[in-house]
PDB file of N, CA and C in Angstrom:
ATOM      1  N   MET A   1     -45.276  22.517  31.238  1.00  0.00           N
ATOM      2  CA  MET A   1     -46.575  21.249  31.362  1.00  0.00           C
ATOM      3  C   MET A   1     -45.779  20.162  31.464  1.00  0.00           C
ATOM      4  N   THR A   2     -46.001  19.274  32.394  1.00  0.00           N
ATOM      5  CA  THR A   2     -45.728  18.209  32.773  1.00  0.00           C
ATOM      6  C   THR A   2     -46.272  17.163  32.289  1.00  0.00           C
ATOM      7  N   VAL A   3     -45.331  15.952  31.524  1.00  0.00           N
ATOM      8  CA  VAL A   3     -46.033  15.390  30.769  1.00  0.00           C
ATOM      9  C   VAL A   3     -45.836  13.893  31.486  1.00  0.00           C
ATOM     10  N   THR A   4     -47.078  13.246  31.665  1.00  0.00           N
ATOM     11  CA  THR A   4     -46.913  11.886  32.392  1.00  0.00           C
ATOM     12  C   THR A   4     -46.428  11.000  31.171  1.00  0.00           C
ATOM     13  N   GLU A   5     -46.273   9.691  31.816  1.00  0.00           N
ATOM     14  CA  GLU A   5     -45.768   8.326  31.054  1.00  0.00           C
ATOM     15  C   GLU A   5     -47.383   8.324  30.129  1.00  0.00           C
ATOM     16  N   ASP A   6     -48.345   8.127  31.111  1.00  0.00           N
ATOM     17  CA  ASP A   6     -49.744   7.853  30.522  1.00  0.00           C
ATOM     18  C   ASP A   6     -50.184   8.993  29.444  1.00  0.00           C
ATOM     19  N   GLN A   7     -49.870   9.815  29.457  1.00  0.00           N
ATOM     20  CA  GLN A   7     -50.202  10.875  28.414  1.00  0.00           C
ATOM     21  C   GLN A   7     -49.335  11.114  27.316  1.00  0.00           C
ATOM     22  N   LEU A   8     -48.252  10.347  27.331  1.00  0.00           N
ATOM     23  CA  LEU A   8     -47.393  10.365  26.423  1.00  0.00           C
ATOM     24  C   LEU A   8     -47.808   8.865  25.456  1.00  0.00           C
ATOM     25  N   ASP A   9     -48.068   8.052  26.456  1.00  0.00           N
ATOM     26  CA  ASP A   9     -48.372   6.625  25.644  1.00  0.00           C
ATOM     27  C   ASP A   9     -49.520   7.131  24.938  1.00  0.00           C
ATOM     28  N   ALA A  10     -50.594   7.652  25.531  1.00  0.00           N
ATOM     29  CA  ALA A  10     -51.858   7.986  24.846  1.00  0.00           C
ATOM     30  C   ALA A  10     -51.788   9.064  23.684  1.00  0.00           C
ATOM     31  N   THR A  11     -50.771   9.831  23.651  1.00  0.00           N
ATOM     32  CA  THR A  11     -50.684  10.745  22.470  1.00  0.00           C
ATOM     33  C   THR A  11     -50.022   9.572  21.355  1.00  0.00           C
ATOM     34  N   PHE A  12     -49.075   8.766  21.629  1.00  0.00           N
ATOM     35  CA  PHE A  12     -48.370   8.409  20.407  1.00  0.00           C
ATOM     36  C   PHE A  12     -49.449   6.994  20.033  1.00  0.00           C
ATOM     37  N   THR A  13     -50.213   6.626  20.721  1.00  0.00           N
ATOM     38  CA  THR A  13     -51.176   5.481  20.507  1.00  0.00           C
ATOM     39  C   THR A  13     -51.990   6.237  19.386  1.00  0.00           C
ATOM     40  N   ALA A  14     -52.680   7.360  19.936  1.00  0.00           N
ATOM     41  CA  ALA A  14     -53.820   8.096  19.158  1.00  0.00           C
ATOM     42  C   ALA A  14     -53.041   8.654  17.773  1.00  0.00           C
ATOM     43  N   LEU A  15     -51.630   8.763  17.695  1.00  0.00           N
ATOM     44  CA  LEU A  15     -50.882   9.100  16.294  1.00  0.00           C
ATOM     45  C   LEU A  15     -50.471   8.232  15.420  1.00  0.00           C
ATOM     46  N   ALA A  16     -50.602   6.907  16.153  1.00  0.00           N
ATOM     47  CA  ALA A  16     -50.204   5.413  15.199  1.00  0.00           C
ATOM     48  C   ALA A  16     -51.213   5.159  14.515  1.00  0.00           C
ATOM     49  N   ASP A  17     -52.655   5.634  14.367  1.00  0.00           N
ATOM     50  CA  ASP A  17     -53.606   5.625  13.432  1.00  0.00           C
ATOM     51  C   ASP A  17     -53.186   6.880  12.186  1.00  0.00           C
ATOM     52  N   PRO A  18     -53.424   6.344  11.020  1.00  0.00           N
ATOM     53  CA  PRO A  18     -53.368   7.056   9.707  1.00  0.00           C
ATOM     54  C   PRO A  18     -54.380   8.371   9.618  1.00  0.00           C
ATOM     55  N   THR A  19     -55.230   7.821   9.998  1.00  0.00           N
ATOM     56  CA  THR A  19     -56.790   8.465  10.087  1.00  0.00           C
ATOM     57  C   THR A  19     -56.657   9.854  10.951  1.00  0.00           C
ATOM     58  N   ARG A  20     -56.207   9.249  12.196  1.00  0.00           N
ATOM     59  CA  ARG A  20     -55.868  10.133  13.338  1.00  0.00           C
ATOM     60  C   ARG A  20     -55.057  11.423  12.712  1.00  0.00           C
ATOM     61  N   ARG A  21     -53.846  10.842  12.670  1.00  0.00           N
ATOM     62  CA  ARG A  21     -52.747  11.546  11.661  1.00  0.00           C
ATOM     63  C   ARG A  21     -53.333  12.553  10.699  1.00  0.00           C
ATOM     64  N   ALA A  22     -53.877  12.186   9.826  1.00  0.00           N
ATOM     65  CA  ALA A  22     -54.486  12.974   8.636  1.00  0.00           C
ATOM     66  C   ALA A  22     -55.540  13.892   9.594  1.00  0.00           C
ATOM     67  N   MET A  23     -56.156  13.697  10.236  1.00  0.00           N
ATOM     68  CA  MET A  23     -56.798  14.980  11.299  1.00  0.00           C
ATOM     69  C   MET A  23     -56.047  15.758  11.964  1.00  0.00           C
ATOM     70  N   VAL A  24     -55.055  15.177  12.590  1.00  0.00           N
ATOM     71  CA  VAL A  24     -54.148  16.224  13.164  1.00  0.00           C
ATOM     72  C   VAL A  24     -53.665  16.889  12.318  1.00  0.00           C
ATOM     73  N   ALA A  25     -53.129  16.513  11.016  1.00  0.00           N
ATOM     74  CA  ALA A  25     -52.670  17.638   9.798  1.00  0.00           C
ATOM     75  C   ALA A  25     -53.722  18.533   9.484  1.00  0.00           C
ATOM     76  N   ARG A  26     -54.859  18.227   9.190  1.00  0.00           N
ATOM     77  CA  ARG A  26     -55.654  19.257   8.964  1.00  0.00           C
ATOM     78  C   ARG A  26     -56.030  20.201   9.977  1.00  0.00           C
ATOM     79  N   LEU A  27     -56.014  19.786  11.192  1.00  0.00           N
ATOM     80  CA  LEU A  27     -56.292  20.595  12.297  1.00  0.00           C
ATOM     81  C   LEU A  27     -55.220  21.707  12.282  1.00  0.00           C
ATOM     82  N   ALA A  28     -54.014  21.274  11.906  1.00  0.00           N
ATOM     83  CA  ALA A  28     -52.705  22.092  12.244  1.00  0.00           C
ATOM     84  C   ALA A  28     -52.923  23.274  11.094  1.00  0.00           C
ATOM     85  N   ARG A  29     -53.432  23.028  10.102  1.00  0.00           N
ATOM     86  CA  ARG A  29     -54.027  24.309   9.263  1.00  0.00           C
ATOM     87  C   ARG A  29     -55.045  25.384   9.805  1.00  0.00           C
ATOM     88  N   ALA A  30     -56.081  24.938  10.122  1.00  0.00           N
ATOM     89  CA  ALA A  30     -57.301  25.554  10.550  1.00  0.00           C
ATOM     90  C   ALA A  30     -58.170  24.774  11.539  1.00  0.00           C
ATOM     91  N   ASP A  31     -59.106  25.333  12.419  1.00  0.00           N
ATOM     92  CA  ASP A  31     -60.038  24.652  12.999  1.00  0.00           C
ATOM     93  C   ASP A  31     -61.064  24.086  12.246  1.00  0.00           C
ATOM     94  N   ALA A  32     -61.951  22.833  12.401  1.00  0.00           N
ATOM     95  CA  ALA A  32     -62.565  22.307  11.615  1.00  0.00           C
ATOM     96  C   ALA A  32     -63.692  21.479  12.061  1.00  0.00           C
ATOM     97  N   THR A  33     -64.913  21.936  11.274  1.00  0.00           N
ATOM     98  CA  THR A  33     -66.022  20.868  11.991  1.00  0.00           C
ATOM     99  C   THR A  33     -65.768  19.356  11.687  1.00  0.00           C
ATOM    100  N   VAL A  34     -66.701  18.444  12.576  1.00  0.00           N
ATOM    101  CA  VAL A  34     -66.393  16.940  12.107  1.00  0.00           C
ATOM    102  C   VAL A  34     -66.981  16.581  10.793  1.00  0.00           C
ATOM    103  N   ASN A  35     -67.600  17.335  10.061  1.00  0.00           N
ATOM    104  CA  ASN A  35     -68.069  17.057   8.578  1.00  0.00           C
ATOM    105  C   ASN A  35     -66.759  17.495   7.940  1.00  0.00           C
ATOM    106  N   GLU A  36     -66.286  18.659   8.233  1.00  0.00           N
ATOM    107  CA  GLU A  36     -65.277  18.967   7.270  1.00  0.00           C
ATOM    108  C   GLU A  36     -63.888  17.795   7.503  1.00  0.00           C
ATOM    109  N   LEU A  37     -64.031  17.407   8.472  1.00  0.00           N
ATOM    110  CA  LEU A  37     -62.643  16.623   8.920  1.00  0.00           C
ATOM    111  C   LEU A  37     -62.957  15.214   8.299  1.00  0.00           C
ATOM    112  N   ALA A  38     -64.189  14.850   8.118  1.00  0.00           N
ATOM    113  CA  ALA A  38     -64.526  13.283   7.909  1.00  0.00           C
ATOM    114  C   ALA A  38     -64.628  13.397   6.442  1.00  0.00           C
ATOM    115  N   GLU A  39     -64.642  14.552   5.612  1.00  0.00           N
ATOM    116  CA  GLU A  39     -64.746  14.624   3.964  1.00  0.00           C
ATOM    117  C   GLU A  39     -63.993  13.714   3.510  1.00  0.00           C
ATOM    118  N   PRO A  40     -62.806  13.762   3.705  1.00  0.00           N
ATOM    119  CA  PRO A  40     -61.712  12.823   2.754  1.00  0.00           C
ATOM    120  C   PRO A  40     -61.697  11.758   3.019  1.00  0.00           C
ATOM    121  N   PHE A  41     -62.348  10.939   4.001  1.00  0.00           N
ATOM    122  CA  PHE A  41     -62.489   9.806   4.533  1.00  0.00           C
ATOM    123  C   PHE A  41     -63.524   9.150   4.073  1.00  0.00           C
ATOM    124  N   ASP A  42     -63.680   7.754   3.594  1.00  0.00           N
ATOM    125  CA  ASP A  42     -65.041   6.804   3.190  1.00  0.00           C
ATOM    126  C   ASP A  42     -65.229   6.421   4.964  1.00  0.00           C
ATOM    127  N   LEU A  43     -65.505   7.013   5.770  1.00  0.00           N
ATOM    128  CA  LEU A  43     -66.011   6.094   7.134  1.00  0.00           C
ATOM    129  C   LEU A  43     -67.220   7.208   7.534  1.00  0.00           C
ATOM    130  N   SER A  44     -67.907   6.415   8.398  1.00  0.00           N
ATOM    131  CA  SER A  44     -69.075   7.121   8.844  1.00  0.00           C
ATOM    132  C   SER A  44     -68.871   7.879   9.841  1.00  0.00           C
ATOM    133  N   LEU A  45     -70.081   8.656   9.964  1.00  0.00           N
ATOM    134  CA  LEU A  45     -69.672   9.876  10.985  1.00  0.00           C
ATOM    135  C   LEU A  45     -69.191   9.249  12.446  1.00  0.00           C
ATOM    136  N   PRO A  46     -70.228   8.274  12.594  1.00  0.00           N
ATOM    137  CA  PRO A  46     -69.635   7.639  14.166  1.00  0.00           C
ATOM    138  C   PRO A  46     -68.296   6.972  14.108  1.00  0.00           C
ATOM    139  N   ALA A  47     -67.757   6.438  13.079  1.00  0.00           N
ATOM    140  CA  ALA A  47     -66.276   6.143  13.133  1.00  0.00           C
ATOM    141  C   ALA A  47     -65.456   7.256  13.103  1.00  0.00           C
ATOM    142  N   ILE A  48     -65.848   8.339  12.500  1.00  0.00           N
ATOM    143  CA  ILE A  48     -65.091   9.498  13.073  1.00  0.00           C
ATOM    144  C   ILE A  48     -65.235  10.136  13.927  1.00  0.00           C
ATOM    145  N   SER A  49     -66.209  10.136  14.745  1.00  0.00           N
ATOM    146  CA  SER A  49     -66.482  10.617  16.081  1.00  0.00           C
ATOM    147  C   SER A  49     -65.743   9.786  17.034  1.00  0.00           C
ATOM    148  N   LYS A  50     -65.351   8.343  16.746  1.00  0.00           N
ATOM    149  CA  LYS A  50     -64.741   7.587  17.321  1.00  0.00           C
ATOM    150  C   LYS A  50     -63.014   8.045  17.607  1.00  0.00           C
ATOM    151  N   HIS A  51     -62.692   8.195  16.154  1.00  0.00           N
ATOM    152  CA  HIS A  51     -61.020   8.978  16.139  1.00  0.00           C
ATOM    153  C   HIS A  51     -60.991  10.089  16.837  1.00  0.00           C
ATOM    154  N   LEU A  52     -62.051  11.090  16.653  1.00  0.00           N
ATOM    155  CA  LEU A  52     -62.126  12.322  17.333  1.00  0.00           C
ATOM    156  C   LEU A  52     -61.994  12.228  18.958  1.00  0.00           C
ATOM    157  N   LYS A  53     -62.963  11.329  19.440  1.00  0.00           N
ATOM    158  CA  LYS A  53     -62.937  11.135  20.791  1.00  0.00           C
ATOM    159  C   LYS A  53     -61.646  10.412  21.399  1.00  0.00           C
ATOM    160  N   VAL A  54     -60.664   9.791  20.579  1.00  0.00           N
ATOM    161  CA  VAL A  54     -59.251   9.500  20.876  1.00  0.00           C
ATOM    162  C   VAL A  54     -58.455  10.312  21.266  1.00  0.00           C
ATOM    163  N   LEU A  55     -58.623  11.342  20.132  1.00  0.00           N
ATOM    164  CA  LEU A  55     -57.954  12.565  19.866  1.00  0.00           C
ATOM    165  C   LEU A  55     -57.960  13.424  21.292  1.00  0.00           C
ATOM    166  N   GLU A  56     -59.459  13.441  21.571  1.00  0.00           N
ATOM    167  CA  GLU A  56     -59.839  14.333  22.387  1.00  0.00           C
ATOM    168  C   GLU A  56     -59.309  14.045  24.201  1.00  0.00           C
ATOM    169  N   ARG A  57     -59.450  12.545  23.971  1.00  0.00           N
ATOM    170  CA  ARG A  57     -58.965  12.244  25.417  1.00  0.00           C
ATOM    171  C   ARG A  57     -57.413  12.256  25.560  1.00  0.00           C
ATOM    172  N   CYS A  58     -56.793  12.313  24.687  1.00  0.00           N
ATOM    173  CA  CYS A  58     -55.133  12.575  24.852  1.00  0.00           C
ATOM    174  C   CYS A  58     -55.043  13.966  24.707  1.00  0.00           C
ATOM    175  N   GLY A  59     -55.885  14.526  24.790  1.00  0.00           N
ATOM    176  CA  GLY A  59     -55.300  16.057  24.759  1.00  0.00           C
ATOM    177  C   GLY A  59     -54.743  16.755  23.487  1.00  0.00           C
ATOM    178  N   LEU A  60     -54.859  15.745  22.434  1.00  0.00           N
ATOM    179  CA  LEU A  60     -54.590  16.673  21.194  1.00  0.00           C
ATOM    180  C   LEU A  60     -55.493  17.372  20.476  1.00  0.00           C
ATOM    181  N   ILE A  61     -56.785  17.384  20.572  1.00  0.00           N
ATOM    182  CA  ILE A  61     -57.579  18.091  20.396  1.00  0.00           C
ATOM    183  C   ILE A  61     -58.557  18.538  21.393  1.00  0.00           C
ATOM    184  N   SER A  62     -59.359  19.841  21.028  1.00  0.00           N
ATOM    185  CA  SER A  62     -60.376  20.067  21.869  1.00  0.00           C
ATOM    186  C   SER A  62     -61.913  20.504  20.854  1.00  0.00           C
ATOM    187  N   ARG A  63     -63.026  20.186  21.577  1.00  0.00           N
ATOM    188  CA  ARG A  63     -64.012  20.748  20.771  1.00  0.00           C
ATOM    189  C   ARG A  63     -64.629  21.856  21.531  1.00  0.00           C
ATOM    190  N   THR A  64     -65.400  22.817  20.825  1.00  0.00           N
ATOM    191  CA  THR A  64     -66.219  23.878  21.436  1.00  0.00           C
ATOM    192  C   THR A  64     -67.355  23.780  20.716  1.00  0.00           C
ATOM    193  N   ARG A  65     -68.312  24.694  21.341  1.00  0.00           N
ATOM    194  CA  ARG A  65     -69.692  24.701  20.794  1.00  0.00           C
ATOM    195  C   ARG A  65     -69.990  26.053  20.014  1.00  0.00           C
ATOM    196  N   GLN A  66     -70.416  26.119  18.837  1.00  0.00           N
ATOM    197  CA  GLN A  66     -70.495  27.445  18.124  1.00  0.00           C
ATOM    198  C   GLN A  66     -71.966  27.281  17.596  1.00  0.00           C
ATOM    199  N   ALA A  67     -73.135  27.511  18.054  1.00  0.00           N
ATOM    200  CA  ALA A  67     -74.372  27.270  17.850  1.00  0.00           C
ATOM    201  C   ALA A  67     -74.428  25.808  17.321  1.00  0.00           C
ATOM    202  N   GLN A  68     -74.957  25.598  16.104  1.00  0.00           N
ATOM    203  CA  GLN A  68     -75.168  23.860  15.972  1.00  0.00           C
ATOM    204  C   GLN A  68     -73.707  23.307  15.765  1.00  0.00           C
ATOM    205  N   PHE A  69     -72.546  23.767  15.285  1.00  0.00           N
ATOM    206  CA  PHE A  69     -71.254  23.290  15.293  1.00  0.00           C
ATOM    207  C   PHE A  69     -70.639  23.105  16.475  1.00  0.00           C
ATOM    208  N   ARG A  70     -69.683  22.150  16.175  1.00  0.00           N
ATOM    209  CA  ARG A  70     -69.002  21.874  17.066  1.00  0.00           C
ATOM    210  C   ARG A  70     -67.295  21.853  16.605  1.00  0.00           C
ATOM    211  N   PRO A  71     -66.752  22.780  16.271  1.00  0.00           N
ATOM    212  CA  PRO A  71     -65.496  22.850  15.532  1.00  0.00           C
ATOM    213  C   PRO A  71     -64.415  22.241  16.693  1.00  0.00           C
ATOM    214  N   CYS A  72     -63.494  21.554  16.044  1.00  0.00           N
ATOM    215  CA  CYS A  72     -62.369  20.989  16.575  1.00  0.00           C
ATOM    216  C   CYS A  72     -61.269  21.678  16.612  1.00  0.00           C
ATOM    217  N   HIS A  73     -60.295  21.891  17.544  1.00  0.00           N
ATOM    218  CA  HIS A  73     -59.176  22.781  17.687  1.00  0.00           C
ATOM    219  C   HIS A  73     -57.904  21.692  17.937  1.00  0.00           C
ATOM    220  N   LEU A  74     -56.931  22.079  17.158  1.00  0.00           N
ATOM    221  CA  LEU A  74     -55.984  21.399  17.579  1.00  0.00           C
ATOM    222  C   LEU A  74     -55.135  21.959  18.746  1.00  0.00           C
ATOM    223  N   GLU A  75     -54.563  21.001  19.667  1.00  0.00           N
ATOM    224  CA  GLU A  75     -54.237  21.512  21.101  1.00  0.00           C
ATOM    225  C   GLU A  75     -52.497  21.279  20.642  1.00  0.00           C
ATOM    226  N   ARG A  76     -51.533  22.423  20.311  1.00  0.00           N
ATOM    227  CA  ARG A  76     -50.294  22.340  20.339  1.00  0.00           C
ATOM    228  C   ARG A  76     -49.491  21.946  21.404  1.00  0.00           C
ATOM    229  N   GLU A  77     -49.859  22.224  22.413  1.00  0.00           N
ATOM    230  CA  GLU A  77     -49.179  21.869  23.632  1.00  0.00           C
ATOM    231  C   GLU A  77     -48.651  20.524  23.945  1.00  0.00           C
ATOM    232  N   ALA A  78     -50.171  19.416  23.417  1.00  0.00           N
ATOM    233  CA  ALA A  78     -49.529  18.027  23.448  1.00  0.00           C
ATOM    234  C   ALA A  78     -48.715  17.744  22.276  1.00  0.00           C
ATOM    235  N   LEU A  79     -48.900  18.428  21.264  1.00  0.00           N
ATOM    236  CA  LEU A  79     -47.847  17.916  20.083  1.00  0.00           C
ATOM    237  C   LEU A  79     -46.385  18.305  20.548  1.00  0.00           C
ATOM    238  N   ASP A  80     -46.438  19.462  21.301  1.00  0.00           N
ATOM    239  CA  ASP A  80     -45.041  19.667  21.660  1.00  0.00           C
ATOM    240  C   ASP A  80     -44.388  19.073  22.741  1.00  0.00           C
ATOM    241  N   SER A  81     -45.231  18.532  23.659  1.00  0.00           N
ATOM    242  CA  SER A  81     -44.742  17.433  24.672  1.00  0.00           C
ATOM    243  C   SER A  81     -44.077  15.975  23.770  1.00  0.00           C
ATOM    244  N   ALA A  82     -45.128  15.968  22.589  1.00  0.00           N
ATOM    245  CA  ALA A  82     -44.392  14.546  22.127  1.00  0.00           C
ATOM    246  C   ALA A  82     -43.160  15.083  21.477  1.00  0.00           C
ATOM    247  N   LEU A  83     -43.269  15.819  20.960  1.00  0.00           N
ATOM    248  CA  LEU A  83     -41.981  16.435  19.975  1.00  0.00           C
ATOM    249  C   LEU A  83     -40.942  16.953  21.130  1.00  0.00           C
ATOM    250  N   GLY A  84     -40.989  17.135  22.185  1.00  0.00           N
ATOM    251  CA  GLY A  84     -40.050  17.265  23.256  1.00  0.00           C
ATOM    252  C   GLY A  84     -39.281  15.937  23.676  1.00  0.00           C
ATOM    253  N   TRP A  85     -40.238  14.835  23.680  1.00  0.00           N
ATOM    254  CA  TRP A  85     -39.959  13.579  24.071  1.00  0.00           C
ATOM    255  C   TRP A  85     -38.916  12.903  23.032  1.00  0.00           C
ATOM    256  N   ILE A  86     -39.405  13.305  21.616  1.00  0.00           N
ATOM    257  CA  ILE A  86     -38.816  12.546  20.360  1.00  0.00           C
ATOM    258  C   ILE A  86     -37.584  13.354  20.387  1.00  0.00           C
ATOM    259  N   GLU A  87     -37.363  15.013  20.698  1.00  0.00           N
ATOM    260  CA  GLU A  87     -35.812  15.377  20.411  1.00  0.00           C
ATOM    261  C   GLU A  87     -35.277  15.005  21.497  1.00  0.00           C
ATOM    262  N   GLN A  88     -35.399  14.919  22.875  1.00  0.00           N
ATOM    263  CA  GLN A  88     -34.692  14.467  23.848  1.00  0.00           C
ATOM    264  C   GLN A  88     -34.008  12.876  23.589  1.00  0.00           C
ATOM    265  N   ASN A  89     -34.851  12.187  23.089  1.00  0.00           N
ATOM    266  CA  ASN A  89     -34.297  10.848  22.481  1.00  0.00           C
ATOM    267  C   ASN A  89     -33.279  11.075  21.233  1.00  0.00           C
ATOM    268  N   ARG A  90     -33.697  11.816  20.416  1.00  0.00           N
ATOM    269  CA  ARG A  90     -33.001  11.762  19.306  1.00  0.00           C
ATOM    270  C   ARG A  90     -31.437  12.026  19.720  1.00  0.00           C
ATOM    271  N   ARG A  91     -31.590  13.161  20.559  1.00  0.00           N
ATOM    272  CA  ARG A  91     -30.062  13.833  21.194  1.00  0.00           C
ATOM    273  C   ARG A  91     -29.324  12.758  21.652  1.00  0.00           C
ATOM    274  N   ILE A  92     -30.155  11.866  22.755  1.00  0.00           N
ATOM    275  CA  ILE A  92     -29.270  10.667  23.074  1.00  0.00           C
ATOM    276  C   ILE A  92     -28.583   9.775  22.575  1.00  0.00           C
ATOM    277  N   TRP A  93     -29.426   9.289  21.191  1.00  0.00           N
ATOM    278  CA  TRP A  93     -29.133   8.428  20.234  1.00  0.00           C
ATOM    279  C   TRP A  93     -28.106   8.841  19.464  1.00  0.00           C
ATOM    280  N   THR A  94     -27.922  10.110  19.176  1.00  0.00           N
ATOM    281  CA  THR A  94     -27.195  10.963  18.298  1.00  0.00           C
ATOM    282  C   THR A  94     -25.690  10.975  18.779  1.00  0.00           C
ATOM    283  N   GLU A  95     -25.853  11.265  20.147  1.00  0.00           N
ATOM    284  CA  GLU A  95     -24.757  11.472  20.983  1.00  0.00           C
ATOM    285  C   GLU A  95     -24.132   9.675  20.763  1.00  0.00           C
ATOM    286  N   ARG A  96     -24.906   8.686  21.000  1.00  0.00           N
ATOM    287  CA  ARG A  96     -24.325   7.262  21.228  1.00  0.00           C
ATOM    288  C   ARG A  96     -23.534   7.257  19.881  1.00  0.00           C
ATOM    289  N   PHE A  97     -24.510   7.508  18.764  1.00  0.00           N
ATOM    290  CA  PHE A  97     -23.912   6.876  17.352  1.00  0.00           C
ATOM    291  C   PHE A  97     -22.654   7.657  16.949  1.00  0.00           C
ATOM    292  N   ASP A  98     -22.907   8.892  17.568  1.00  0.00           N
ATOM    293  CA  ASP A  98     -21.263   9.804  17.396  1.00  0.00           C
ATOM    294  C   ASP A  98     -19.898   9.430  18.061  1.00  0.00           C
ATOM    295  N   ARG A  99     -20.202   8.736  19.081  1.00  0.00           N
ATOM    296  CA  ARG A  99     -19.200   7.822  19.930  1.00  0.00           C
ATOM    297  C   ARG A  99     -19.053   6.806  19.332  1.00  0.00           C
ATOM    298  N   LEU A 100     -19.937   5.924  18.773  1.00  0.00           N
ATOM    299  CA  LEU A 100     -19.803   4.705  18.239  1.00  0.00           C
ATOM    300  C   LEU A 100     -18.698   4.873  17.252  1.00  0.00           C
ATOM    301  N   GLU A 101     -19.121   5.699  16.278  1.00  0.00           N
ATOM    302  CA  GLU A 101     -18.471   6.255  15.001  1.00  0.00           C
ATOM    303  C   GLU A 101     -16.676   6.655  15.157  1.00  0.00           C
ATOM    304  N   GLU A 102     -16.817   7.469  16.199  1.00  0.00           N
ATOM    305  CA  GLU A 102     -15.421   7.787  16.226  1.00  0.00           C
ATOM    306  C   GLU A 102     -14.785   6.593  16.777  1.00  0.00           C
ATOM    307  N   HIS A 103     -15.344   5.816  17.673  1.00  0.00           N
ATOM    308  CA  HIS A 103     -14.604   4.457  18.427  1.00  0.00           C
ATOM    309  C   HIS A 103     -14.417   3.508  17.161  1.00  0.00           C
ATOM    310  N   LEU A 104     -15.456   3.527  16.264  1.00  0.00           N
ATOM    311  CA  LEU A 104     -14.917   2.228  14.683  1.00  0.00           C
ATOM    312  C   LEU A 104     -13.851   3.170  13.953  1.00  0.00           C
ATOM    313  N   HIS A 105     -13.868   4.508  14.092  1.00  0.00           N
ATOM    314  CA  HIS A 105     -12.968   5.086  13.124  1.00  0.00           C
ATOM    315  C   HIS A 105     -11.561   4.930  13.744  1.00  0.00           C
ATOM    316  N   ARG A 106     -11.431   5.131  15.283  1.00  0.00           N
ATOM    317  CA  ARG A 106     -10.146   4.674  15.651  1.00  0.00           C
ATOM    318  C   ARG A 106      -9.624   3.451  15.660  1.00  0.00           C
ATOM    319  N   LEU A 107     -10.495   2.635  15.444  1.00  0.00           N
ATOM    320  CA  LEU A 107      -9.994   1.041  15.432  1.00  0.00           C
ATOM    321  C   LEU A 107      -9.808   0.879  13.931  1.00  0.00           C
ATOM    322  N   GLN A 108     -10.329   1.476  12.916  1.00  0.00           N
ATOM    323  CA  GLN A 108      -9.859   1.361  11.552  1.00  0.00           C
ATOM    324  C   GLN A 108      -8.474   2.168  10.979  1.00  0.00           C
ATOM    325  N   HIS A 109      -8.665   3.341  11.724  1.00  0.00           N
ATOM    326  CA  HIS A 109      -7.361   3.970  11.543  1.00  0.00           C
ATOM    327  C   HIS A 109      -6.492   4.607  12.920  1.00  0.00           C
ATOM    328  N   PRO A 110      -5.785   3.601  13.487  1.00  0.00           N
ATOM    329  CA  PRO A 110      -5.174   4.048  14.655  1.00  0.00           C
ATOM    330  C   PRO A 110      -3.795   4.836  14.562  1.00  0.00           C
ATOM    331  N   THR A 111      -3.576   5.659  15.288  1.00  0.00           N
ATOM    332  CA  THR A 111      -2.651   6.667  15.099  1.00  0.00           C
ATOM    333  C   THR A 111      -1.371   5.724  15.526  1.00  0.00           C
ATOM    334  N   ALA A 112       0.172   6.181  15.282  1.00  0.00           N
ATOM    335  CA  ALA A 112       1.140   5.529  15.602  1.00  0.00           C
ATOM    336  C   ALA A 112       1.383   5.037  16.912  1.00  0.00           C
ATOM    337  N   GLN A 113       0.780   5.889  17.570  1.00  0.00           N
ATOM    338  CA  GLN A 113       0.818   5.490  19.279  1.00  0.00           C
ATOM    339  C   GLN A 113      -0.407   4.847  19.895  1.00  0.00           C
ATOM    340  N   GLU A 114      -1.121   4.822  19.193  1.00  0.00           N
ATOM    341  CA  GLU A 114      -2.589   4.123  19.521  1.00  0.00           C
ATOM    342  C   GLU A 114      -2.644   3.233  18.666  1.00  0.00           C
ATOM    343  N   THR A 115      -2.665   1.721  19.145  1.00  0.00           N
ATOM    344  CA  THR A 115      -3.068   0.804  17.980  1.00  0.00           C
ATOM    345  C   THR A 115      -4.231   0.125  18.813  1.00  0.00           C
ATOM    346  N   PRO A 116      -5.111  -0.774  18.169  1.00  0.00           N
ATOM    347  CA  PRO A 116      -6.401  -1.614  18.748  1.00  0.00           C
ATOM    348  C   PRO A 116      -5.839  -2.116  20.076  1.00  0.00           C
ATOM    349  N   ALA A 117      -5.129  -2.683  19.942  1.00  0.00           N
ATOM    350  CA  ALA A 117      -4.289  -3.650  21.255  1.00  0.00           C
ATOM    351  C   ALA A 117      -4.675  -2.595  22.336  1.00  0.00           C
ATOM    352  N   GLN A 118      -3.391  -1.662  22.216  1.00  0.00           N
ATOM    353  CA  GLN A 118      -3.490  -0.556  23.286  1.00  0.00           C
ATOM    354  C   GLN A 118      -4.996  -0.003  23.780  1.00  0.00           C
ATOM    355  N   GLU A 119      -5.685   0.187  22.745  1.00  0.00           N
ATOM    356  CA  GLU A 119      -7.169   0.672  23.197  1.00  0.00           C
ATOM    357  C   GLU A 119      -7.996  -0.205  23.777  1.00  0.00           C
ATOM    358  N   LYS A 120      -7.470  -1.172  23.774  1.00  0.00           N
ATOM    359  CA  LYS A 120      -8.471  -2.186  24.820  1.00  0.00           C
ATOM    360  C   LYS A 120      -7.752  -2.192  26.242  1.00  0.00           C
ATOM    361  N   GLU A 121      -6.861  -1.623  26.518  1.00  0.00           N
ATOM    362  CA  GLU A 121      -6.417  -1.333  28.050  1.00  0.00           C
ATOM    363  C   GLU A 121      -7.000  -0.738  28.792  1.00  0.00           C
TER     364      GLU A 121
END
């Protein structure tokens, strides 16, 4: 699945809200109805519904219909895409910090043949 920048922006925007993150965490355990998702929050059902619409628009959840219930389901692919972006950038920054650490170590502990003045050349 190719993730566009807009999808990634929408996913991280949705996850920036603690209520929506809690809903995603709840749905990671099992599907849930809107009422079940609303239980831990002191929010109105319309407010809960707005949070769910944000999660649905960015593809983090989907809703189905079973009789009078509309259970919500976590779409793990959207989370995997966000995780992939984070992991890719974590790897890049880890490599950069490792090189910086090596460079600082060489500056602090120059070998007999390599002094800080020689290293600048």
